[in-house]
């Protein structure tokens, strides 16, 4: 049986209205911890569903809402399953790049807090802080672990300039350090 004239357009309009209503309901939520990332991705031109997936995926698994990709697809994005998400990822490698970029941005944003915490703990007199002190001293170049092996010359030209005796001494030093 053929469709009534104009019915296809009406069906498309109702689907577009449904999608728009789902998007608006999602964007009005205030309890989504990754909404800032989502907004940034939207500003970069990502479609709302893909932006939501990328922002969600870049969150730590522990405490992530919703818990699974399937729940994100059906409960947040209004999809019938997460198959569409798998298709997006297969067709567009830029999605994985965007996820990586968000993860790196997150790490970089926290660096001053991490370094501040490292300095605070390293400055503590507590014995449990020895690893933080050691890391701090390594980072600022005031401590070199014994396990570090420095062989000296690093290029073939540098080695060519050494005498046989110097080469034997260098090899013996490297052997002592490594074993």
C-alpha atoms as a PDB file:
ATOM      1  CA  UNK A   1       0.000   0.000   0.000  1.00  0.00           C
ATOM      2  CA  UNK A   2       1.395   3.402  -0.901  1.00  0.00           C
ATOM      3  CA  UNK A   3       1.747   6.169   1.648  1.00  0.00           C
ATOM      4  CA  UNK A   4      -0.571   9.113   1.572  1.00  0.00           C
ATOM      5  CA  UNK A   5       0.920  12.190  -0.088  1.00  0.00           C
ATOM      6  CA  UNK A   6       2.713  14.336   2.480  1.00  0.00           C
ATOM      7  CA  UNK A   7       2.879  11.543   5.077  1.00  0.00           C
ATOM      8  CA  UNK A   8       6.636  11.032   4.571  1.00  0.00           C
ATOM      9  CA  UNK A   9       7.291  14.705   5.294  1.00  0.00           C
ATOM     10  CA  UNK A  10       5.098  14.590   8.402  1.00  0.00           C
ATOM     11  CA  UNK A  11       6.944  11.491   9.630  1.00  0.00           C
ATOM     12  CA  UNK A  12      10.328  13.185   9.044  1.00  0.00           C
ATOM     13  CA  UNK A  13       9.126  16.299  10.869  1.00  0.00           C
ATOM     14  CA  UNK A  14       7.991  14.261  13.883  1.00  0.00           C
ATOM     15  CA  UNK A  15      11.333  12.385  13.987  1.00  0.00           C
ATOM     16  CA  UNK A  16      13.240  15.685  13.842  1.00  0.00           C
ATOM     17  CA  UNK A  17      11.026  17.094  16.602  1.00  0.00           C
ATOM     18  CA  UNK A  18      11.644  13.970  18.729  1.00  0.00           C
ATOM     19  CA  UNK A  19      15.406  14.240  18.246  1.00  0.00           C
ATOM     20  CA  UNK A  20      15.351  17.953  19.070  1.00  0.00           C
ATOM     21  CA  UNK A  21      13.337  17.277  22.252  1.00  0.00           C
ATOM     22  CA  UNK A  22      15.842  14.607  23.357  1.00  0.00           C
ATOM     23  CA  UNK A  23      18.773  16.968  22.698  1.00  0.00           C
ATOM     24  CA  UNK A  24      17.147  19.832  24.618  1.00  0.00           C
ATOM     25  CA  UNK A  25      16.293  17.578  27.569  1.00  0.00           C
ATOM     26  CA  UNK A  26      19.892  16.378  27.674  1.00  0.00           C
ATOM     27  CA  UNK A  27      21.398  19.868  27.438  1.00  0.00           C
ATOM     28  CA  UNK A  28      19.154  21.145  30.245  1.00  0.00           C
ATOM     29  CA  UNK A  29      20.511  18.598  32.716  1.00  0.00           C
ATOM     30  CA  UNK A  30      22.686  20.092  35.437  1.00  0.00           C
ATOM     31  CA  UNK A  31      23.852  16.815  36.959  1.00  0.00           C
ATOM     32  CA  UNK A  32      26.106  15.721  34.088  1.00  0.00           C
ATOM     33  CA  UNK A  33      29.738  16.101  35.135  1.00  0.00           C
ATOM     34  CA  UNK A  34      31.014  16.139  31.575  1.00  0.00           C
ATOM     35  CA  UNK A  35      28.682  18.835  30.222  1.00  0.00           C
ATOM     36  CA  UNK A  36      31.525  21.385  29.851  1.00  0.00           C
ATOM     37  CA  UNK A  37      33.434  18.950  27.615  1.00  0.00           C
ATOM     38  CA  UNK A  38      30.233  18.320  25.671  1.00  0.00           C
ATOM     39  CA  UNK A  39      29.690  22.068  25.150  1.00  0.00           C
ATOM     40  CA  UNK A  40      33.272  22.517  23.970  1.00  0.00           C
ATOM     41  CA  UNK A  41      32.855  19.697  21.463  1.00  0.00           C
ATOM     42  CA  UNK A  42      29.602  21.202  20.192  1.00  0.00           C
ATOM     43  CA  UNK A  43      31.402  24.531  19.739  1.00  0.00           C
ATOM     44  CA  UNK A  44      33.998  22.646  17.673  1.00  0.00           C
ATOM     45  CA  UNK A  45      31.237  21.443  15.353  1.00  0.00           C
ATOM     46  CA  UNK A  46      30.520  17.908  16.560  1.00  0.00           C
ATOM     47  CA  UNK A  47      26.902  16.752  16.304  1.00  0.00           C
ATOM     48  CA  UNK A  48      25.212  16.601  19.689  1.00  0.00           C
ATOM     49  CA  UNK A  49      25.110  12.797  19.973  1.00  0.00           C
ATOM     50  CA  UNK A  50      28.720  12.308  18.903  1.00  0.00           C
ATOM     51  CA  UNK A  51      29.850  15.145  21.189  1.00  0.00           C
ATOM     52  CA  UNK A  52      28.008  13.525  24.091  1.00  0.00           C
ATOM     53  CA  UNK A  53      29.657  10.175  23.357  1.00  0.00           C
ATOM     54  CA  UNK A  54      33.146  11.697  23.134  1.00  0.00           C
ATOM     55  CA  UNK A  55      32.716  13.675  26.362  1.00  0.00           C
ATOM     56  CA  UNK A  56      31.288  10.623  28.163  1.00  0.00           C
ATOM     57  CA  UNK A  57      34.039   8.314  26.884  1.00  0.00           C
ATOM     58  CA  UNK A  58      36.782  10.692  28.064  1.00  0.00           C
ATOM     59  CA  UNK A  59      35.577  10.417  31.675  1.00  0.00           C
ATOM     60  CA  UNK A  60      37.161   8.013  34.157  1.00  0.00           C
ATOM     61  CA  UNK A  61      35.323   4.682  34.152  1.00  0.00           C
ATOM     62  CA  UNK A  62      35.006   4.843  37.928  1.00  0.00           C
ATOM     63  CA  UNK A  63      32.058   7.082  38.646  1.00  0.00           C
ATOM     64  CA  UNK A  64      31.128   7.523  34.978  1.00  0.00           C
ATOM     65  CA  UNK A  65      27.463   8.254  34.292  1.00  0.00           C
ATOM     66  CA  UNK A  66      25.862   6.411  32.691  1.00  0.00           C
ATOM     67  CA  UNK A  67      27.855   3.288  33.463  1.00  0.00           C
ATOM     68  CA  UNK A  68      27.831   1.682  30.013  1.00  0.00           C
ATOM     69  CA  UNK A  69      27.894   2.689  26.380  1.00  0.00           C
ATOM     70  CA  UNK A  70      24.593   0.891  25.890  1.00  0.00           C
ATOM     71  CA  UNK A  71      22.966   2.936  28.661  1.00  0.00           C
ATOM     72  CA  UNK A  72      24.374   6.130  27.156  1.00  0.00           C
ATOM     73  CA  UNK A  73      22.915   5.201  23.778  1.00  0.00           C
ATOM     74  CA  UNK A  74      19.439   4.255  24.975  1.00  0.00           C
ATOM     75  CA  UNK A  75      18.906   6.379  28.080  1.00  0.00           C
ATOM     76  CA  UNK A  76      20.663   9.603  27.081  1.00  0.00           C
ATOM     77  CA  UNK A  77      21.006   9.755  23.319  1.00  0.00           C
ATOM     78  CA  UNK A  78      17.610   8.280  22.466  1.00  0.00           C
ATOM     79  CA  UNK A  79      19.043   5.513  20.285  1.00  0.00           C
ATOM     80  CA  UNK A  80      17.658   1.997  20.185  1.00  0.00           C
ATOM     81  CA  UNK A  81      21.096   0.451  20.886  1.00  0.00           C
ATOM     82  CA  UNK A  82      24.778   1.352  20.889  1.00  0.00           C
ATOM     83  CA  UNK A  83      25.219   0.029  17.338  1.00  0.00           C
ATOM     84  CA  UNK A  84      25.134   3.597  15.989  1.00  0.00           C
ATOM     85  CA  UNK A  85      28.034   4.525  18.271  1.00  0.00           C
ATOM     86  CA  UNK A  86      30.084   1.575  17.006  1.00  0.00           C
ATOM     87  CA  UNK A  87      29.322   2.693  13.443  1.00  0.00           C
ATOM     88  CA  UNK A  88      30.398   6.290  14.181  1.00  0.00           C
ATOM     89  CA  UNK A  89      33.705   5.059  15.571  1.00  0.00           C
ATOM     90  CA  UNK A  90      34.309   2.729  12.628  1.00  0.00           C
ATOM     91  CA  UNK A  91      33.622   5.457  10.073  1.00  0.00           C
ATOM     92  CA  UNK A  92      35.314   8.387  11.798  1.00  0.00           C
ATOM     93  CA  UNK A  93      38.779   7.948  13.385  1.00  0.00           C
ATOM     94  CA  UNK A  94      38.634  11.587  14.485  1.00  0.00           C
ATOM     95  CA  UNK A  95      36.318  10.455  17.290  1.00  0.00           C
ATOM     96  CA  UNK A  96      39.119   8.499  18.995  1.00  0.00           C
ATOM     97  CA  UNK A  97      41.474  11.444  18.435  1.00  0.00           C
ATOM     98  CA  UNK A  98      38.981  13.786  20.103  1.00  0.00           C
ATOM     99  CA  UNK A  99      38.710  11.427  23.075  1.00  0.00           C
ATOM    100  CA  UNK A 100      42.507  11.367  23.390  1.00  0.00           C
ATOM    101  CA  UNK A 101      42.671  15.141  23.126  1.00  0.00           C
ATOM    102  CA  UNK A 102      40.157  15.508  25.968  1.00  0.00           C
ATOM    103  CA  UNK A 103      42.145  13.089  28.128  1.00  0.00           C
ATOM    104  CA  UNK A 104      45.386  14.991  27.533  1.00  0.00           C
ATOM    105  CA  UNK A 105      43.668  18.322  28.183  1.00  0.00           C
ATOM    106  CA  UNK A 106      42.358  16.918  31.453  1.00  0.00           C
ATOM    107  CA  UNK A 107      45.832  15.798  32.505  1.00  0.00           C
ATOM    108  CA  UNK A 108      47.370  19.136  31.590  1.00  0.00           C
ATOM    109  CA  UNK A 109      44.670  21.028  33.470  1.00  0.00           C
ATOM    110  CA  UNK A 110      45.502  19.091  36.630  1.00  0.00           C
ATOM    111  CA  UNK A 111      49.291  19.435  36.420  1.00  0.00           C
ATOM    112  CA  UNK A 112      49.626  22.406  38.779  1.00  0.00           C
ATOM    113  CA  UNK A 113      47.448  20.646  41.380  1.00  0.00           C
ATOM    114  CA  UNK A 114      49.458  17.434  41.007  1.00  0.00           C
ATOM    115  CA  UNK A 115      52.783  19.229  41.291  1.00  0.00           C
ATOM    116  CA  UNK A 116      51.484  21.208  44.269  1.00  0.00           C
ATOM    117  CA  UNK A 117      50.417  17.988  45.999  1.00  0.00           C
ATOM    118  CA  UNK A 118      53.775  16.392  45.160  1.00  0.00           C
ATOM    119  CA  UNK A 119      55.654  19.349  46.664  1.00  0.00           C
ATOM    120  CA  UNK A 120      53.460  19.339  49.756  1.00  0.00           C
ATOM    121  CA  UNK A 121      53.901  15.632  50.420  1.00  0.00           C
ATOM    122  CA  UNK A 122      57.613  15.694  49.533  1.00  0.00           C
ATOM    123  CA  UNK A 123      58.149  18.495  52.062  1.00  0.00           C
ATOM    124  CA  UNK A 124      56.568  16.365  54.781  1.00  0.00           C
ATOM    125  CA  UNK A 125      58.867  14.784  57.351  1.00  0.00           C
ATOM    126  CA  UNK A 126      56.762  11.628  57.405  1.00  0.00           C
ATOM    127  CA  UNK A 127      58.658   8.481  56.387  1.00  0.00           C
ATOM    128  CA  UNK A 128      55.813   7.484  54.067  1.00  0.00           C
ATOM    129  CA  UNK A 129      56.639  10.526  51.891  1.00  0.00           C
ATOM    130  CA  UNK A 130      60.058   9.203  50.842  1.00  0.00           C
ATOM    131  CA  UNK A 131      58.868   8.185  47.364  1.00  0.00           C
ATOM    132  CA  UNK A 132      57.483  11.664  46.746  1.00  0.00           C
ATOM    133  CA  UNK A 133      60.760  13.238  47.918  1.00  0.00           C
ATOM    134  CA  UNK A 134      62.730  10.930  45.659  1.00  0.00           C
ATOM    135  CA  UNK A 135      60.511  11.710  42.646  1.00  0.00           C
ATOM    136  CA  UNK A 136      60.723  15.426  43.341  1.00  0.00           C
ATOM    137  CA  UNK A 137      64.514  15.327  43.609  1.00  0.00           C
ATOM    138  CA  UNK A 138      64.744  13.303  40.386  1.00  0.00           C
ATOM    139  CA  UNK A 139      62.484  15.793  38.604  1.00  0.00           C
ATOM    140  CA  UNK A 140      64.610  18.774  39.611  1.00  0.00           C
ATOM    141  CA  UNK A 141      67.852  16.928  38.800  1.00  0.00           C
ATOM    142  CA  UNK A 142      69.230  16.686  42.335  1.00  0.00           C
ATOM    143  CA  UNK A 143      69.039  12.907  42.585  1.00  0.00           C
ATOM    144  CA  UNK A 144      69.943  10.191  40.125  1.00  0.00           C
ATOM    145  CA  UNK A 145      68.865   6.626  40.912  1.00  0.00           C
ATOM    146  CA  UNK A 146      71.639   4.069  41.089  1.00  0.00           C
ATOM    147  CA  UNK A 147      69.894   2.021  38.422  1.00  0.00           C
ATOM    148  CA  UNK A 148      70.538   4.756  35.851  1.00  0.00           C
ATOM    149  CA  UNK A 149      73.310   3.741  33.483  1.00  0.00           C
ATOM    150  CA  UNK A 150      75.283   6.437  31.746  1.00  0.00           C
ATOM    151  CA  UNK A 151      77.575   4.959  29.147  1.00  0.00           C
ATOM    152  CA  UNK A 152      79.300   8.132  28.105  1.00  0.00           C
ATOM    153  CA  UNK A 153      79.686   8.563  24.357  1.00  0.00           C
ATOM    154  CA  UNK A 154      76.449   8.035  22.513  1.00  0.00           C
ATOM    155  CA  UNK A 155      77.323   8.291  18.842  1.00  0.00           C
ATOM    156  CA  UNK A 156      79.522   6.133  16.663  1.00  0.00           C
ATOM    157  CA  UNK A 157      81.856   9.086  16.069  1.00  0.00           C
ATOM    158  CA  UNK A 158      82.273   9.475  19.857  1.00  0.00           C
ATOM    159  CA  UNK A 159      83.235   5.797  20.163  1.00  0.00           C
ATOM    160  CA  UNK A 160      85.681   6.041  17.257  1.00  0.00           C
ATOM    161  CA  UNK A 161      87.601   8.686  19.153  1.00  0.00           C
ATOM    162  CA  UNK A 162      88.205   6.372  22.144  1.00  0.00           C
ATOM    163  CA  UNK A 163      91.236   4.144  22.506  1.00  0.00           C
ATOM    164  CA  UNK A 164      90.879   0.372  22.878  1.00  0.00           C
ATOM    165  CA  UNK A 165      91.713   0.737  26.571  1.00  0.00           C
ATOM    166  CA  UNK A 166      88.978   3.384  27.035  1.00  0.00           C
ATOM    167  CA  UNK A 167      86.465   1.172  25.204  1.00  0.00           C
ATOM    168  CA  UNK A 168      87.315  -1.804  27.477  1.00  0.00           C
ATOM    169  CA  UNK A 169      86.934   0.406  30.566  1.00  0.00           C
ATOM    170  CA  UNK A 170      83.603   1.715  29.308  1.00  0.00           C
ATOM    171  CA  UNK A 171      82.352  -1.824  28.626  1.00  0.00           C
ATOM    172  CA  UNK A 172      83.443  -3.004  32.093  1.00  0.00           C
ATOM    173  CA  UNK A 173      81.715  -0.019  33.729  1.00  0.00           C
ATOM    174  CA  UNK A 174      78.492  -0.750  31.837  1.00  0.00           C
ATOM    175  CA  UNK A 175      78.687  -4.415  32.837  1.00  0.00           C
ATOM    176  CA  UNK A 176      79.133  -3.529  36.536  1.00  0.00           C
ATOM    177  CA  UNK A 177      76.186  -1.088  36.438  1.00  0.00           C
ATOM    178  CA  UNK A 178      73.832  -3.535  34.756  1.00  0.00           C
ATOM    179  CA  UNK A 179      74.510  -6.621  36.690  1.00  0.00           C
END
